[in-house]
Amino acid sequence: MDRQRRYCWSARAVGGITAQLSNGGQLALGAERAGLGGNFGLWTYRACASIPFGAE
């Protein structure tokens, strides 16, 4: 009986960028591609912003 071997693998790629604003705030954007090499692929996007405030 001959058995056939099947190898399954999957990978992901992640990237992003962050900008520092002149008022001290930040804006971040990112993306992720999951399921590289597999039968299913998924894109995920993210965005985040922060604004500093002064407590007196």
N, C-alpha and C. Protein backbone atom coordinates (compact mmCIF):
# COMPACT_ATOMS: atom_id res chain seq x y z
N MET A 1 0.86 -1.18 0.00
CA MET A 1 0.00 0.00 0.00
C MET A 1 0.90 1.24 0.00
N ASP A 2 0.70 2.08 -0.95
CA ASP A 2 1.49 3.31 -1.08
C ASP A 2 0.73 4.48 -0.46
N ARG A 3 1.35 5.13 0.51
CA ARG A 3 0.71 6.29 1.12
C ARG A 3 1.25 7.55 0.49
N GLN A 4 0.33 8.43 0.19
CA GLN A 4 0.72 9.70 -0.40
C GLN A 4 0.77 10.76 0.71
N ARG A 5 1.91 11.43 0.83
CA ARG A 5 2.05 12.45 1.87
C ARG A 5 1.62 13.80 1.33
N ARG A 6 0.83 14.48 2.14
CA ARG A 6 0.39 15.82 1.80
C ARG A 6 0.87 16.76 2.90
N TYR A 7 1.58 17.78 2.51
CA TYR A 7 2.07 18.76 3.46
C TYR A 7 1.22 20.01 3.35
N CYS A 8 0.71 20.47 4.47
CA CYS A 8 -0.09 21.68 4.53
C CYS A 8 0.71 22.75 5.25
N TRP A 9 0.68 23.94 4.73
CA TRP A 9 1.36 25.04 5.40
C TRP A 9 0.54 26.30 5.18
N SER A 10 0.77 27.25 6.02
CA SER A 10 0.09 28.53 5.93
C SER A 10 0.99 29.60 6.50
N ALA A 11 0.87 30.81 5.99
CA ALA A 11 1.70 31.92 6.45
C ALA A 11 0.85 33.18 6.49
N ARG A 12 1.41 34.22 7.07
CA ARG A 12 0.71 35.50 7.09
C ARG A 12 1.71 36.61 6.86
N ALA A 13 1.23 37.70 6.29
CA ALA A 13 2.05 38.89 6.07
C ALA A 13 1.36 40.07 6.75
N VAL A 14 2.14 40.85 7.50
CA VAL A 14 1.60 41.97 8.27
C VAL A 14 2.42 43.21 7.95
N GLY A 15 1.73 44.34 7.82
CA GLY A 15 2.42 45.60 7.57
C GLY A 15 1.61 46.77 8.11
N GLY A 16 2.29 47.88 8.31
CA GLY A 16 1.59 49.05 8.81
C GLY A 16 2.47 50.27 8.84
N ILE A 17 1.85 51.39 9.12
CA ILE A 17 2.55 52.67 9.18
C ILE A 17 1.91 53.53 10.26
N THR A 18 2.72 54.32 10.94
CA THR A 18 2.23 55.23 11.97
C THR A 18 2.76 56.63 11.68
N ALA A 19 1.89 57.62 11.80
CA ALA A 19 2.28 59.02 11.58
C ALA A 19 2.14 59.78 12.90
N GLN A 20 3.16 60.57 13.22
CA GLN A 20 3.14 61.44 14.39
C GLN A 20 2.72 62.84 13.92
N LEU A 21 1.62 63.36 14.44
CA LEU A 21 1.11 64.66 14.02
C LEU A 21 1.77 65.78 14.82
N SER A 22 1.70 66.99 14.31
CA SER A 22 2.36 68.13 14.96
C SER A 22 1.77 68.46 16.33
N ASN A 23 0.50 68.13 16.55
CA ASN A 23 -0.12 68.41 17.85
C ASN A 23 0.12 67.29 18.87
N GLY A 24 0.93 66.28 18.51
CA GLY A 24 1.23 65.18 19.41
C GLY A 24 0.36 63.96 19.20
N GLY A 25 -0.63 64.05 18.35
CA GLY A 25 -1.51 62.91 18.06
C GLY A 25 -0.82 61.91 17.15
N GLN A 26 -1.42 60.75 17.03
CA GLN A 26 -0.90 59.70 16.17
C GLN A 26 -2.02 59.10 15.34
N LEU A 27 -1.66 58.65 14.15
CA LEU A 27 -2.56 57.95 13.26
C LEU A 27 -1.84 56.70 12.79
N ALA A 28 -2.45 55.54 12.99
CA ALA A 28 -1.84 54.27 12.62
C ALA A 28 -2.76 53.51 11.67
N LEU A 29 -2.19 52.96 10.61
CA LEU A 29 -2.91 52.14 9.64
C LEU A 29 -2.16 50.83 9.47
N GLY A 30 -2.89 49.73 9.38
CA GLY A 30 -2.24 48.43 9.23
C GLY A 30 -3.10 47.47 8.44
N ALA A 31 -2.45 46.44 7.91
CA ALA A 31 -3.15 45.40 7.16
C ALA A 31 -2.46 44.06 7.41
N GLU A 32 -3.25 43.00 7.31
CA GLU A 32 -2.73 41.64 7.49
C GLU A 32 -3.37 40.75 6.45
N ARG A 33 -2.56 39.91 5.82
CA ARG A 33 -3.06 38.92 4.87
C ARG A 33 -2.74 37.56 5.44
N ALA A 34 -3.76 36.83 5.86
CA ALA A 34 -3.58 35.52 6.46
C ALA A 34 -3.97 34.43 5.46
N GLY A 35 -3.44 33.25 5.67
CA GLY A 35 -3.80 32.10 4.85
C GLY A 35 -2.98 31.96 3.58
N LEU A 36 -1.81 32.57 3.52
CA LEU A 36 -0.95 32.41 2.34
C LEU A 36 -0.52 30.95 2.24
N GLY A 37 -0.71 30.36 1.10
CA GLY A 37 -0.34 28.96 0.90
C GLY A 37 -1.44 27.98 1.26
N GLY A 38 -2.53 28.47 1.81
CA GLY A 38 -3.63 27.59 2.19
C GLY A 38 -4.79 27.69 1.21
N ASN A 39 -5.88 27.07 1.57
CA ASN A 39 -7.08 27.08 0.72
C ASN A 39 -7.99 28.26 1.02
N PHE A 40 -7.64 29.05 2.05
CA PHE A 40 -8.51 30.13 2.47
C PHE A 40 -7.64 31.35 2.76
N GLY A 41 -8.05 32.51 2.25
CA GLY A 41 -7.30 33.74 2.51
C GLY A 41 -8.19 34.77 3.19
N LEU A 42 -7.58 35.57 4.05
CA LEU A 42 -8.33 36.56 4.80
C LEU A 42 -7.53 37.85 4.89
N TRP A 43 -8.14 38.96 4.51
CA TRP A 43 -7.55 40.29 4.67
C TRP A 43 -8.15 40.94 5.91
N THR A 44 -7.31 41.56 6.73
CA THR A 44 -7.76 42.31 7.89
C THR A 44 -7.12 43.69 7.85
N TYR A 45 -7.91 44.73 8.04
CA TYR A 45 -7.42 46.11 8.03
C TYR A 45 -7.67 46.74 9.39
N ARG A 46 -6.77 47.63 9.81
CA ARG A 46 -6.92 48.33 11.08
C ARG A 46 -6.56 49.79 10.91
N ALA A 47 -7.26 50.63 11.65
CA ALA A 47 -6.94 52.06 11.72
C ALA A 47 -7.14 52.50 13.17
N CYS A 48 -6.23 53.33 13.66
CA CYS A 48 -6.29 53.79 15.04
C CYS A 48 -5.79 55.22 15.09
N ALA A 49 -6.45 56.04 15.88
CA ALA A 49 -6.04 57.44 16.05
C ALA A 49 -6.01 57.77 17.53
N SER A 50 -5.08 58.62 17.91
CA SER A 50 -5.02 59.08 19.30
C SER A 50 -4.74 60.57 19.30
N ILE A 51 -5.43 61.28 20.20
CA ILE A 51 -5.28 62.73 20.33
C ILE A 51 -4.97 63.03 21.79
N PRO A 52 -3.83 63.68 22.06
CA PRO A 52 -3.49 64.00 23.45
C PRO A 52 -4.35 65.15 23.97
N PHE A 53 -4.59 65.14 25.26
CA PHE A 53 -5.28 66.26 25.88
C PHE A 53 -4.53 66.62 27.15
N GLY A 54 -4.64 67.87 27.54
CA GLY A 54 -3.93 68.33 28.72
C GLY A 54 -4.86 68.43 29.91
N ALA A 55 -4.50 67.79 31.00
CA ALA A 55 -5.27 67.88 32.23
C ALA A 55 -4.63 68.97 33.10
N GLU A 56 -5.41 69.94 33.46
CA GLU A 56 -4.88 71.06 34.25
C GLU A 56 -5.48 71.10 35.62
